[in-house]
Amino acid sequence: MKTKIVSIRTTLLVASLLAAVAGAGMAADVKENWEKHCQKCHGADGKGQTKMGRQSGVKDYTDPKVQEELKDENAVKIIKEGIVEKDKKKMDPYNDKLTDEEIKALIAYIRAFKK
């Protein structure tokens, strides 16, 4: 019986460590994707106070009201399809550059900017 308990504890410990390592890898990936694809307009802090962000009129993701109005389904659509207004591209589409999992991770990253 004692061997079984040790085995279960060891299995749980290994599973926890693997989850932590996988989570750390995912966090690095989402941050890297933010820096590569989003930061030039939305800023490192999500406030959108970059030259390109101000020109495009991006929203401040630290604003609770903006966060409340941003629905996940709409955010997925925007990231995948981009934004074009009055025949002017305001945001590139990333459907061919990001997986669905990466897009979901970016949305979670955006949510973390909320004050």
PDB file of N, CA and C in Angstrom:
ATOM      1  N   MET A   1       0.821  -1.195   0.000  1.00  0.00           N
ATOM      2  CA  MET A   1       0.000   0.000   0.000  1.00  0.00           C
ATOM      3  C   MET A   1       0.862   1.256   0.000  1.00  0.00           C
ATOM      4  N   LYS A   2       1.952   1.242   0.788  1.00  0.00           N
ATOM      5  CA  LYS A   2       2.835   2.398   0.863  1.00  0.00           C
ATOM      6  C   LYS A   2       3.473   2.688  -0.496  1.00  0.00           C
ATOM      7  N   THR A   3       3.809   1.646  -1.241  1.00  0.00           N
ATOM      8  CA  THR A   3       4.397   1.805  -2.564  1.00  0.00           C
ATOM      9  C   THR A   3       3.413   2.481  -3.517  1.00  0.00           C
ATOM     10  N   LYS A   4       2.124   2.104  -3.418  1.00  0.00           N
ATOM     11  CA  LYS A   4       1.101   2.716  -4.270  1.00  0.00           C
ATOM     12  C   LYS A   4       0.987   4.210  -4.000  1.00  0.00           C
ATOM     13  N   ILE A   5       0.993   4.602  -2.727  1.00  0.00           N
ATOM     14  CA  ILE A   5       0.867   6.015  -2.349  1.00  0.00           C
ATOM     15  C   ILE A   5       2.059   6.798  -2.876  1.00  0.00           C
ATOM     16  N   VAL A   6       3.249   6.263  -2.733  1.00  0.00           N
ATOM     17  CA  VAL A   6       4.456   6.923  -3.249  1.00  0.00           C
ATOM     18  C   VAL A   6       4.365   7.045  -4.761  1.00  0.00           C
ATOM     19  N   SER A   7       3.894   5.991  -5.422  1.00  0.00           N
ATOM     20  CA  SER A   7       3.769   5.998  -6.882  1.00  0.00           C
ATOM     21  C   SER A   7       2.763   7.061  -7.338  1.00  0.00           C
ATOM     22  N   ILE A   8       1.650   7.148  -6.644  1.00  0.00           N
ATOM     23  CA  ILE A   8       0.633   8.156  -6.987  1.00  0.00           C
ATOM     24  C   ILE A   8       1.191   9.562  -6.764  1.00  0.00           C
ATOM     25  N   ARG A   9       1.864   9.758  -5.644  1.00  0.00           N
ATOM     26  CA  ARG A   9       2.455  11.069  -5.365  1.00  0.00           C
ATOM     27  C   ARG A   9       3.497  11.432  -6.417  1.00  0.00           C
ATOM     28  N   THR A  10       4.319  10.476  -6.791  1.00  0.00           N
ATOM     29  CA  THR A  10       5.341  10.716  -7.819  1.00  0.00           C
ATOM     30  C   THR A  10       4.684  11.068  -9.144  1.00  0.00           C
ATOM     31  N   THR A  11       3.636  10.349  -9.511  1.00  0.00           N
ATOM     32  CA  THR A  11       2.919  10.622 -10.758  1.00  0.00           C
ATOM     33  C   THR A  11       2.317  12.029 -10.733  1.00  0.00           C
ATOM     34  N   LEU A  12       1.712  12.393  -9.613  1.00  0.00           N
ATOM     35  CA  LEU A  12       1.126  13.733  -9.499  1.00  0.00           C
ATOM     36  C   LEU A  12       2.194  14.816  -9.564  1.00  0.00           C
ATOM     37  N   LEU A  13       3.328  14.580  -8.929  1.00  0.00           N
ATOM     38  CA  LEU A  13       4.420  15.547  -8.954  1.00  0.00           C
ATOM     39  C   LEU A  13       4.948  15.730 -10.372  1.00  0.00           C
ATOM     40  N   VAL A  14       5.150  14.624 -11.073  1.00  0.00           N
ATOM     41  CA  VAL A  14       5.638  14.697 -12.452  1.00  0.00           C
ATOM     42  C   VAL A  14       4.624  15.421 -13.325  1.00  0.00           C
ATOM     43  N   ALA A  15       3.343  15.122 -13.169  1.00  0.00           N
ATOM     44  CA  ALA A  15       2.296  15.790 -13.953  1.00  0.00           C
ATOM     45  C   ALA A  15       2.273  17.287 -13.673  1.00  0.00           C
ATOM     46  N   SER A  16       2.428  17.664 -12.417  1.00  0.00           N
ATOM     47  CA  SER A  16       2.451  19.083 -12.056  1.00  0.00           C
ATOM     48  C   SER A  16       3.648  19.796 -12.677  1.00  0.00           C
ATOM     49  N   LEU A  17       4.790  19.151 -12.634  1.00  0.00           N
ATOM     50  CA  LEU A  17       5.991  19.754 -13.228  1.00  0.00           C
ATOM     51  C   LEU A  17       5.857  19.907 -14.735  1.00  0.00           C
ATOM     52  N   LEU A  18       5.307  18.890 -15.389  1.00  0.00           N
ATOM     53  CA  LEU A  18       5.101  18.978 -16.839  1.00  0.00           C
ATOM     54  C   LEU A  18       4.125  20.101 -17.190  1.00  0.00           C
ATOM     55  N   ALA A  19       3.073  20.240 -16.413  1.00  0.00           N
ATOM     56  CA  ALA A  19       2.106  21.322 -16.652  1.00  0.00           C
ATOM     57  C   ALA A  19       2.763  22.683 -16.464  1.00  0.00           C
ATOM     58  N   ALA A  20       3.599  22.813 -15.450  1.00  0.00           N
ATOM     59  CA  ALA A  20       4.287  24.084 -15.200  1.00  0.00           C
ATOM     60  C   ALA A  20       5.236  24.420 -16.343  1.00  0.00           C
ATOM     61  N   VAL A  21       5.960  23.427 -16.818  1.00  0.00           N
ATOM     62  CA  VAL A  21       6.884  23.650 -17.932  1.00  0.00           C
ATOM     63  C   VAL A  21       6.113  24.014 -19.193  1.00  0.00           C
ATOM     64  N   ALA A  22       5.029  23.314 -19.461  1.00  0.00           N
ATOM     65  CA  ALA A  22       4.210  23.614 -20.640  1.00  0.00           C
ATOM     66  C   ALA A  22       3.625  25.014 -20.534  1.00  0.00           C
ATOM     67  N   GLY A  23       3.156  25.389 -19.345  1.00  0.00           N
ATOM     68  CA  GLY A  23       2.607  26.732 -19.132  1.00  0.00           C
ATOM     69  C   GLY A  23       3.658  27.800 -19.342  1.00  0.00           C
ATOM     70  N   ALA A  24       4.860  27.570 -18.874  1.00  0.00           N
ATOM     71  CA  ALA A  24       5.946  28.537 -19.059  1.00  0.00           C
ATOM     72  C   ALA A  24       6.277  28.686 -20.532  1.00  0.00           C
ATOM     73  N   GLY A  25       6.254  27.582 -21.262  1.00  0.00           N
ATOM     74  CA  GLY A  25       6.517  27.640 -22.701  1.00  0.00           C
ATOM     75  C   GLY A  25       5.439  28.407 -23.431  1.00  0.00           C
ATOM     76  N   MET A  26       4.185  28.178 -23.024  1.00  0.00           N
ATOM     77  CA  MET A  26       3.075  28.891 -23.646  1.00  0.00           C
ATOM     78  C   MET A  26       3.170  30.378 -23.360  1.00  0.00           C
ATOM     79  N   ALA A  27       3.514  30.737 -22.139  1.00  0.00           N
ATOM     80  CA  ALA A  27       3.622  32.147 -21.773  1.00  0.00           C
ATOM     81  C   ALA A  27       4.671  32.837 -22.624  1.00  0.00           C
ATOM     82  N   ALA A  28       5.779  32.174 -22.857  1.00  0.00           N
ATOM     83  CA  ALA A  28       6.831  32.755 -23.691  1.00  0.00           C
ATOM     84  C   ALA A  28       6.327  32.921 -25.116  1.00  0.00           C
ATOM     85  N   ASP A  29       5.578  31.938 -25.613  1.00  0.00           N
ATOM     86  CA  ASP A  29       5.069  32.008 -26.975  1.00  0.00           C
ATOM     87  C   ASP A  29       4.092  33.161 -27.154  1.00  0.00           C
ATOM     88  N   VAL A  30       3.174  33.337 -26.221  1.00  0.00           N
ATOM     89  CA  VAL A  30       2.185  34.401 -26.356  1.00  0.00           C
ATOM     90  C   VAL A  30       2.861  35.769 -26.254  1.00  0.00           C
ATOM     91  N   LYS A  31       3.815  35.894 -25.368  1.00  0.00           N
ATOM     92  CA  LYS A  31       4.542  37.160 -25.252  1.00  0.00           C
ATOM     93  C   LYS A  31       5.318  37.443 -26.536  1.00  0.00           C
ATOM     94  N   GLU A  32       5.942  36.404 -27.066  1.00  0.00           N
ATOM     95  CA  GLU A  32       6.678  36.546 -28.334  1.00  0.00           C
ATOM     96  C   GLU A  32       5.730  36.942 -29.466  1.00  0.00           C
ATOM     97  N   ASN A  33       4.559  36.312 -29.533  1.00  0.00           N
ATOM     98  CA  ASN A  33       3.580  36.672 -30.567  1.00  0.00           C
ATOM     99  C   ASN A  33       3.083  38.096 -30.383  1.00  0.00           C
ATOM    100  N   TRP A  34       2.850  38.511 -29.133  1.00  0.00           N
ATOM    101  CA  TRP A  34       2.428  39.890 -28.871  1.00  0.00           C
ATOM    102  C   TRP A  34       3.489  40.862 -29.386  1.00  0.00           C
ATOM    103  N   GLU A  35       4.734  40.598 -29.015  1.00  0.00           N
ATOM    104  CA  GLU A  35       5.832  41.486 -29.415  1.00  0.00           C
ATOM    105  C   GLU A  35       6.001  41.515 -30.931  1.00  0.00           C
ATOM    106  N   LYS A  36       5.825  40.393 -31.574  1.00  0.00           N
ATOM    107  CA  LYS A  36       6.038  40.296 -33.026  1.00  0.00           C
ATOM    108  C   LYS A  36       4.879  40.890 -33.832  1.00  0.00           C
ATOM    109  N   HIS A  37       3.650  40.624 -33.394  1.00  0.00           N
ATOM    110  CA  HIS A  37       2.494  40.974 -34.220  1.00  0.00           C
ATOM    111  C   HIS A  37       1.651  42.136 -33.700  1.00  0.00           C
ATOM    112  N   CYS A  38       1.690  42.418 -32.415  1.00  0.00           N
ATOM    113  CA  CYS A  38       0.715  43.345 -31.830  1.00  0.00           C
ATOM    114  C   CYS A  38       1.328  44.607 -31.223  1.00  0.00           C
ATOM    115  N   GLN A  39       2.496  44.456 -30.663  1.00  0.00           N
ATOM    116  CA  GLN A  39       3.092  45.515 -29.854  1.00  0.00           C
ATOM    117  C   GLN A  39       3.338  46.808 -30.628  1.00  0.00           C
ATOM    118  N   LYS A  40       3.651  46.728 -31.908  1.00  0.00           N
ATOM    119  CA  LYS A  40       3.963  47.942 -32.670  1.00  0.00           C
ATOM    120  C   LYS A  40       2.798  48.927 -32.691  1.00  0.00           C
ATOM    121  N   CYS A  41       1.578  48.411 -32.580  1.00  0.00           N
ATOM    122  CA  CYS A  41       0.412  49.292 -32.527  1.00  0.00           C
ATOM    123  C   CYS A  41      -0.177  49.396 -31.117  1.00  0.00           C
ATOM    124  N   HIS A  42      -0.315  48.253 -30.465  1.00  0.00           N
ATOM    125  CA  HIS A  42      -0.998  48.222 -29.172  1.00  0.00           C
ATOM    126  C   HIS A  42      -0.084  48.531 -27.997  1.00  0.00           C
ATOM    127  N   GLY A  43       1.221  48.546 -28.220  1.00  0.00           N
ATOM    128  CA  GLY A  43       2.179  48.860 -27.166  1.00  0.00           C
ATOM    129  C   GLY A  43       2.465  47.680 -26.256  1.00  0.00           C
ATOM    130  N   ALA A  44       3.591  47.727 -25.589  1.00  0.00           N
ATOM    131  CA  ALA A  44       3.978  46.663 -24.666  1.00  0.00           C
ATOM    132  C   ALA A  44       3.003  46.567 -23.500  1.00  0.00           C
ATOM    133  N   ASP A  45       2.394  47.710 -23.147  1.00  0.00           N
ATOM    134  CA  ASP A  45       1.485  47.769 -22.000  1.00  0.00           C
ATOM    135  C   ASP A  45       0.007  47.675 -22.381  1.00  0.00           C
ATOM    136  N   GLY A  46      -0.301  47.538 -23.686  1.00  0.00           N
ATOM    137  CA  GLY A  46      -1.684  47.405 -24.138  1.00  0.00           C
ATOM    138  C   GLY A  46      -2.459  48.701 -24.220  1.00  0.00           C
ATOM    139  N   LYS A  47      -1.798  49.825 -23.980  1.00  0.00           N
ATOM    140  CA  LYS A  47      -2.507  51.118 -23.983  1.00  0.00           C
ATOM    141  C   LYS A  47      -2.673  51.712 -25.383  1.00  0.00           C
ATOM    142  N   GLY A  48      -1.906  51.216 -26.345  1.00  0.00           N
ATOM    143  CA  GLY A  48      -2.036  51.709 -27.711  1.00  0.00           C
ATOM    144  C   GLY A  48      -1.414  53.072 -27.946  1.00  0.00           C
ATOM    145  N   GLN A  49      -0.537  53.496 -27.062  1.00  0.00           N
ATOM    146  CA  GLN A  49       0.068  54.819 -27.187  1.00  0.00           C
ATOM    147  C   GLN A  49       1.387  54.768 -27.966  1.00  0.00           C
ATOM    148  N   THR A  50       1.333  54.110 -29.113  1.00  0.00           N
ATOM    149  CA  THR A  50       2.464  54.089 -30.031  1.00  0.00           C
ATOM    150  C   THR A  50       2.100  54.987 -31.206  1.00  0.00           C
ATOM    151  N   LYS A  51       3.066  55.326 -32.008  1.00  0.00           N
ATOM    152  CA  LYS A  51       2.787  56.170 -33.176  1.00  0.00           C
ATOM    153  C   LYS A  51       1.729  55.499 -34.059  1.00  0.00           C
ATOM    154  N   MET A  52       1.938  54.225 -34.363  1.00  0.00           N
ATOM    155  CA  MET A  52       0.987  53.510 -35.219  1.00  0.00           C
ATOM    156  C   MET A  52      -0.358  53.312 -34.517  1.00  0.00           C
ATOM    157  N   GLY A  53      -0.317  53.094 -33.215  1.00  0.00           N
ATOM    158  CA  GLY A  53      -1.557  52.910 -32.461  1.00  0.00           C
ATOM    159  C   GLY A  53      -2.418  54.157 -32.455  1.00  0.00           C
ATOM    160  N   ARG A  54      -1.789  55.296 -32.254  1.00  0.00           N
ATOM    161  CA  ARG A  54      -2.538  56.558 -32.268  1.00  0.00           C
ATOM    162  C   ARG A  54      -3.082  56.848 -33.668  1.00  0.00           C
ATOM    163  N   GLN A  55      -2.296  56.557 -34.695  1.00  0.00           N
ATOM    164  CA  GLN A  55      -2.761  56.781 -36.069  1.00  0.00           C
ATOM    165  C   GLN A  55      -3.956  55.894 -36.415  1.00  0.00           C
ATOM    166  N   SER A  56      -3.931  54.670 -35.913  1.00  0.00           N
ATOM    167  CA  SER A  56      -4.999  53.710 -36.224  1.00  0.00           C
ATOM    168  C   SER A  56      -6.188  53.826 -35.281  1.00  0.00           C
ATOM    169  N   GLY A  57      -6.001  54.530 -34.170  1.00  0.00           N
ATOM    170  CA  GLY A  57      -7.086  54.667 -33.203  1.00  0.00           C
ATOM    171  C   GLY A  57      -7.345  53.398 -32.398  1.00  0.00           C
ATOM    172  N   VAL A  58      -6.276  52.663 -32.079  1.00  0.00           N
ATOM    173  CA  VAL A  58      -6.463  51.432 -31.305  1.00  0.00           C
ATOM    174  C   VAL A  58      -6.964  51.754 -29.903  1.00  0.00           C
ATOM    175  N   LYS A  59      -7.604  50.777 -29.307  1.00  0.00           N
ATOM    176  CA  LYS A  59      -8.198  50.960 -27.983  1.00  0.00           C
ATOM    177  C   LYS A  59      -7.199  50.637 -26.883  1.00  0.00           C
ATOM    178  N   ASP A  60      -7.443  51.232 -25.740  1.00  0.00           N
ATOM    179  CA  ASP A  60      -6.619  51.032 -24.553  1.00  0.00           C
ATOM    180  C   ASP A  60      -7.119  49.795 -23.813  1.00  0.00           C
ATOM    181  N   TYR A  61      -6.361  48.705 -23.884  1.00  0.00           N
ATOM    182  CA  TYR A  61      -6.769  47.453 -23.268  1.00  0.00           C
ATOM    183  C   TYR A  61      -6.643  47.456 -21.749  1.00  0.00           C
ATOM    184  N   THR A  62      -6.115  48.516 -21.175  1.00  0.00           N
ATOM    185  CA  THR A  62      -6.088  48.604 -19.712  1.00  0.00           C
ATOM    186  C   THR A  62      -7.391  49.202 -19.184  1.00  0.00           C
ATOM    187  N   ASP A  63      -8.221  49.746 -20.068  1.00  0.00           N
ATOM    188  CA  ASP A  63      -9.487  50.368 -19.694  1.00  0.00           C
ATOM    189  C   ASP A  63     -10.550  49.283 -19.461  1.00  0.00           C
ATOM    190  N   PRO A  64     -11.101  49.191 -18.251  1.00  0.00           N
ATOM    191  CA  PRO A  64     -12.112  48.166 -17.956  1.00  0.00           C
ATOM    192  C   PRO A  64     -13.319  48.224 -18.896  1.00  0.00           C
ATOM    193  N   LYS A  65     -13.707  49.426 -19.312  1.00  0.00           N
ATOM    194  CA  LYS A  65     -14.854  49.560 -20.220  1.00  0.00           C
ATOM    195  C   LYS A  65     -14.536  48.932 -21.578  1.00  0.00           C
ATOM    196  N   VAL A  66     -13.331  49.160 -22.077  1.00  0.00           N
ATOM    197  CA  VAL A  66     -12.904  48.560 -23.350  1.00  0.00           C
ATOM    198  C   VAL A  66     -12.902  47.045 -23.210  1.00  0.00           C
ATOM    199  N   GLN A  67     -12.384  46.548 -22.095  1.00  0.00           N
ATOM    200  CA  GLN A  67     -12.344  45.108 -21.847  1.00  0.00           C
ATOM    201  C   GLN A  67     -13.756  44.520 -21.815  1.00  0.00           C
ATOM    202  N   GLU A  68     -14.666  45.228 -21.165  1.00  0.00           N
ATOM    203  CA  GLU A  68     -16.046  44.752 -21.059  1.00  0.00           C
ATOM    204  C   GLU A  68     -16.713  44.677 -22.433  1.00  0.00           C
ATOM    205  N   GLU A  69     -16.444  45.657 -23.274  1.00  0.00           N
ATOM    206  CA  GLU A  69     -17.058  45.707 -24.602  1.00  0.00           C
ATOM    207  C   GLU A  69     -16.438  44.712 -25.575  1.00  0.00           C
ATOM    208  N   LEU A  70     -15.203  44.294 -25.321  1.00  0.00           N
ATOM    209  CA  LEU A  70     -14.508  43.374 -26.217  1.00  0.00           C
ATOM    210  C   LEU A  70     -14.950  41.940 -25.930  1.00  0.00           C
ATOM    211  N   LYS A  71     -15.688  41.378 -26.834  1.00  0.00           N
ATOM    212  CA  LYS A  71     -16.153  39.996 -26.697  1.00  0.00           C
ATOM    213  C   LYS A  71     -15.135  39.069 -27.363  1.00  0.00           C
ATOM    214  N   ASP A  72     -14.901  37.934 -26.741  1.00  0.00           N
ATOM    215  CA  ASP A  72     -13.886  37.004 -27.248  1.00  0.00           C
ATOM    216  C   ASP A  72     -14.135  36.599 -28.700  1.00  0.00           C
ATOM    217  N   GLU A  73     -15.402  36.314 -29.053  1.00  0.00           N
ATOM    218  CA  GLU A  73     -15.718  35.887 -30.416  1.00  0.00           C
ATOM    219  C   GLU A  73     -15.339  36.980 -31.422  1.00  0.00           C
ATOM    220  N   ASN A  74     -15.621  38.219 -31.068  1.00  0.00           N
ATOM    221  CA  ASN A  74     -15.298  39.337 -31.949  1.00  0.00           C
ATOM    222  C   ASN A  74     -13.785  39.532 -32.036  1.00  0.00           C
ATOM    223  N   ALA A  75     -13.094  39.364 -30.914  1.00  0.00           N
ATOM    224  CA  ALA A  75     -11.638  39.498 -30.905  1.00  0.00           C
ATOM    225  C   ALA A  75     -10.998  38.441 -31.804  1.00  0.00           C
ATOM    226  N   VAL A  76     -11.503  37.219 -31.751  1.00  0.00           N
ATOM    227  CA  VAL A  76     -10.995  36.145 -32.622  1.00  0.00           C
ATOM    228  C   VAL A  76     -11.177  36.547 -34.085  1.00  0.00           C
ATOM    229  N   LYS A  77     -12.365  37.028 -34.405  1.00  0.00           N
ATOM    230  CA  LYS A  77     -12.667  37.424 -35.791  1.00  0.00           C
ATOM    231  C   LYS A  77     -11.732  38.550 -36.254  1.00  0.00           C
ATOM    232  N   ILE A  78     -11.535  39.533 -35.409  1.00  0.00           N
ATOM    233  CA  ILE A  78     -10.675  40.667 -35.760  1.00  0.00           C
ATOM    234  C   ILE A  78      -9.235  40.204 -35.969  1.00  0.00           C
ATOM    235  N   ILE A  79      -8.731  39.375 -35.070  1.00  0.00           N
ATOM    236  CA  ILE A  79      -7.353  38.901 -35.200  1.00  0.00           C
ATOM    237  C   ILE A  79      -7.211  38.070 -36.475  1.00  0.00           C
ATOM    238  N   LYS A  80      -8.177  37.219 -36.760  1.00  0.00           N
ATOM    239  CA  LYS A  80      -8.100  36.369 -37.949  1.00  0.00           C
ATOM    240  C   LYS A  80      -8.246  37.163 -39.242  1.00  0.00           C
ATOM    241  N   GLU A  81      -9.229  38.081 -39.282  1.00  0.00           N
ATOM    242  CA  GLU A  81      -9.580  38.764 -40.527  1.00  0.00           C
ATOM    243  C   GLU A  81      -8.970  40.150 -40.677  1.00  0.00           C
ATOM    244  N   GLY A  82      -8.487  40.728 -39.584  1.00  0.00           N
ATOM    245  CA  GLY A  82      -7.973  42.091 -39.638  1.00  0.00           C
ATOM    246  C   GLY A  82      -9.115  43.090 -39.645  1.00  0.00           C
ATOM    247  N   ILE A  83      -8.754  44.360 -39.856  1.00  0.00           N
ATOM    248  CA  ILE A  83      -9.753  45.438 -39.898  1.00  0.00           C
ATOM    249  C   ILE A  83      -9.484  46.306 -41.117  1.00  0.00           C
ATOM    250  N   VAL A  84     -10.533  46.519 -41.906  1.00  0.00           N
ATOM    251  CA  VAL A  84     -10.482  47.442 -43.036  1.00  0.00           C
ATOM    252  C   VAL A  84     -11.662  48.389 -42.881  1.00  0.00           C
ATOM    253  N   GLU A  85     -11.372  49.689 -42.862  1.00  0.00           N
ATOM    254  CA  GLU A  85     -12.418  50.705 -42.776  1.00  0.00           C
ATOM    255  C   GLU A  85     -12.222  51.704 -43.898  1.00  0.00           C
ATOM    256  N   LYS A  86     -13.294  51.953 -44.634  1.00  0.00           N
ATOM    257  CA  LYS A  86     -13.260  52.908 -45.749  1.00  0.00           C
ATOM    258  C   LYS A  86     -12.100  52.600 -46.694  1.00  0.00           C
ATOM    259  N   ASP A  87     -12.002  51.335 -47.074  1.00  0.00           N
ATOM    260  CA  ASP A  87     -10.964  50.850 -47.993  1.00  0.00           C
ATOM    261  C   ASP A  87      -9.545  51.061 -47.492  1.00  0.00           C
ATOM    262  N   LYS A  88      -9.386  51.292 -46.209  1.00  0.00           N
ATOM    263  CA  LYS A  88      -8.060  51.472 -45.621  1.00  0.00           C
ATOM    264  C   LYS A  88      -7.822  50.381 -44.585  1.00  0.00           C
ATOM    265  N   LYS A  89      -6.707  49.660 -44.752  1.00  0.00           N
ATOM    266  CA  LYS A  89      -6.377  48.601 -43.807  1.00  0.00           C
ATOM    267  C   LYS A  89      -5.899  49.216 -42.499  1.00  0.00           C
ATOM    268  N   LYS A  90      -6.608  48.880 -41.412  1.00  0.00           N
ATOM    269  CA  LYS A  90      -6.224  49.385 -40.090  1.00  0.00           C
ATOM    270  C   LYS A  90      -5.500  48.317 -39.281  1.00  0.00           C
ATOM    271  N   MET A  91      -5.745  47.040 -39.625  1.00  0.00           N
ATOM    272  CA  MET A  91      -5.056  45.947 -38.949  1.00  0.00           C
ATOM    273  C   MET A  91      -4.941  44.776 -39.911  1.00  0.00           C
ATOM    274  N   ASP A  92      -3.740  44.217 -39.970  1.00  0.00           N
ATOM    275  CA  ASP A  92      -3.508  43.054 -40.825  1.00  0.00           C
ATOM    276  C   ASP A  92      -4.254  41.830 -40.289  1.00  0.00           C
ATOM    277  N   PRO A  93      -4.658  40.933 -41.200  1.00  0.00           N
ATOM    278  CA  PRO A  93      -5.223  39.658 -40.744  1.00  0.00           C
ATOM    279  C   PRO A  93      -4.086  38.712 -40.332  1.00  0.00           C
ATOM    280  N   TYR A  94      -4.338  37.902 -39.317  1.00  0.00           N
ATOM    281  CA  TYR A  94      -3.310  36.980 -38.827  1.00  0.00           C
ATOM    282  C   TYR A  94      -3.753  35.525 -38.906  1.00  0.00           C
ATOM    283  N   ASN A  95      -4.805  35.255 -39.670  1.00  0.00           N
ATOM    284  CA  ASN A  95      -5.313  33.898 -39.808  1.00  0.00           C
ATOM    285  C   ASN A  95      -4.254  32.935 -40.324  1.00  0.00           C
ATOM    286  N   ASP A  96      -3.401  33.412 -41.213  1.00  0.00           N
ATOM    287  CA  ASP A  96      -2.373  32.540 -41.789  1.00  0.00           C
ATOM    288  C   ASP A  96      -1.062  32.558 -41.004  1.00  0.00           C
ATOM    289  N   LYS A  97      -1.001  33.381 -39.951  1.00  0.00           N
ATOM    290  CA  LYS A  97       0.230  33.501 -39.164  1.00  0.00           C
ATOM    291  C   LYS A  97       0.096  32.923 -37.760  1.00  0.00           C
ATOM    292  N   LEU A  98      -1.134  32.798 -37.271  1.00  0.00           N
ATOM    293  CA  LEU A  98      -1.368  32.333 -35.899  1.00  0.00           C
ATOM    294  C   LEU A  98      -2.376  31.193 -35.891  1.00  0.00           C
ATOM    295  N   THR A  99      -2.140  30.226 -35.030  1.00  0.00           N
ATOM    296  CA  THR A  99      -3.098  29.135 -34.861  1.00  0.00           C
ATOM    297  C   THR A  99      -4.252  29.602 -33.986  1.00  0.00           C
ATOM    298  N   ASP A 100      -5.314  28.814 -33.950  1.00  0.00           N
ATOM    299  CA  ASP A 100      -6.442  29.141 -33.080  1.00  0.00           C
ATOM    300  C   ASP A 100      -6.004  29.212 -31.616  1.00  0.00           C
ATOM    301  N   GLU A 101      -5.106  28.309 -31.220  1.00  0.00           N
ATOM    302  CA  GLU A 101      -4.615  28.302 -29.839  1.00  0.00           C
ATOM    303  C   GLU A 101      -3.809  29.565 -29.547  1.00  0.00           C
ATOM    304  N   GLU A 102      -3.004  29.998 -30.501  1.00  0.00           N
ATOM    305  CA  GLU A 102      -2.216  31.221 -30.314  1.00  0.00           C
ATOM    306  C   GLU A 102      -3.120  32.444 -30.229  1.00  0.00           C
ATOM    307  N   ILE A 103      -4.178  32.447 -31.012  1.00  0.00           N
ATOM    308  CA  ILE A 103      -5.136  33.559 -30.975  1.00  0.00           C
ATOM    309  C   ILE A 103      -5.844  33.596 -29.619  1.00  0.00           C
ATOM    310  N   LYS A 104      -6.266  32.447 -29.136  1.00  0.00           N
ATOM    311  CA  LYS A 104      -6.910  32.391 -27.814  1.00  0.00           C
ATOM    312  C   LYS A 104      -5.944  32.857 -26.725  1.00  0.00           C
ATOM    313  N   ALA A 105      -4.679  32.476 -26.847  1.00  0.00           N
ATOM    314  CA  ALA A 105      -3.674  32.906 -25.869  1.00  0.00           C
ATOM    315  C   ALA A 105      -3.483  34.418 -25.925  1.00  0.00           C
ATOM    316  N   LEU A 106      -3.504  35.001 -27.126  1.00  0.00           N
ATOM    317  CA  LEU A 106      -3.380  36.461 -27.250  1.00  0.00           C
ATOM    318  C   LEU A 106      -4.567  37.171 -26.600  1.00  0.00           C
ATOM    319  N   ILE A 107      -5.749  36.612 -26.752  1.00  0.00           N
ATOM    320  CA  ILE A 107      -6.930  37.218 -26.131  1.00  0.00           C
ATOM    321  C   ILE A 107      -6.801  37.168 -24.612  1.00  0.00           C
ATOM    322  N   ALA A 108      -6.319  36.064 -24.083  1.00  0.00           N
ATOM    323  CA  ALA A 108      -6.074  35.978 -22.635  1.00  0.00           C
ATOM    324  C   ALA A 108      -5.013  36.991 -22.215  1.00  0.00           C
ATOM    325  N   TYR A 109      -3.999  37.185 -23.059  1.00  0.00           N
ATOM    326  CA  TYR A 109      -2.940  38.163 -22.794  1.00  0.00           C
ATOM    327  C   TYR A 109      -3.535  39.570 -22.751  1.00  0.00           C
ATOM    328  N   ILE A 110      -4.428  39.861 -23.687  1.00  0.00           N
ATOM    329  CA  ILE A 110      -5.114  41.160 -23.723  1.00  0.00           C
ATOM    330  C   ILE A 110      -5.938  41.354 -22.443  1.00  0.00           C
ATOM    331  N   ARG A 111      -6.607  40.311 -22.015  1.00  0.00           N
ATOM    332  CA  ARG A 111      -7.419  40.396 -20.792  1.00  0.00           C
ATOM    333  C   ARG A 111      -6.575  40.728 -19.573  1.00  0.00           C
ATOM    334  N   ALA A 112      -5.329  40.312 -19.574  1.00  0.00           N
ATOM    335  CA  ALA A 112      -4.447  40.556 -18.432  1.00  0.00           C
ATOM    336  C   ALA A 112      -4.046  42.035 -18.307  1.00  0.00           C
ATOM    337  N   PHE A 113      -4.270  42.833 -19.347  1.00  0.00           N
ATOM    338  CA  PHE A 113      -3.965  44.271 -19.275  1.00  0.00           C
ATOM    339  C   PHE A 113      -4.973  45.043 -18.438  1.00  0.00           C
ATOM    340  N   LYS A 114      -6.143  44.464 -18.220  1.00  0.00           N
ATOM    341  CA  LYS A 114      -7.210  45.147 -17.485  1.00  0.00           C
ATOM    342  C   LYS A 114      -6.727  45.583 -16.102  1.00  0.00           C
ATOM    343  N   LYS A 115      -7.008  46.819 -15.774  1.00  0.00           N
ATOM    344  CA  LYS A 115      -6.611  47.375 -14.469  1.00  0.00           C
ATOM    345  C   LYS A 115      -7.403  46.759 -13.344  1.00  0.00           C
TER     346      LYS A 115
END
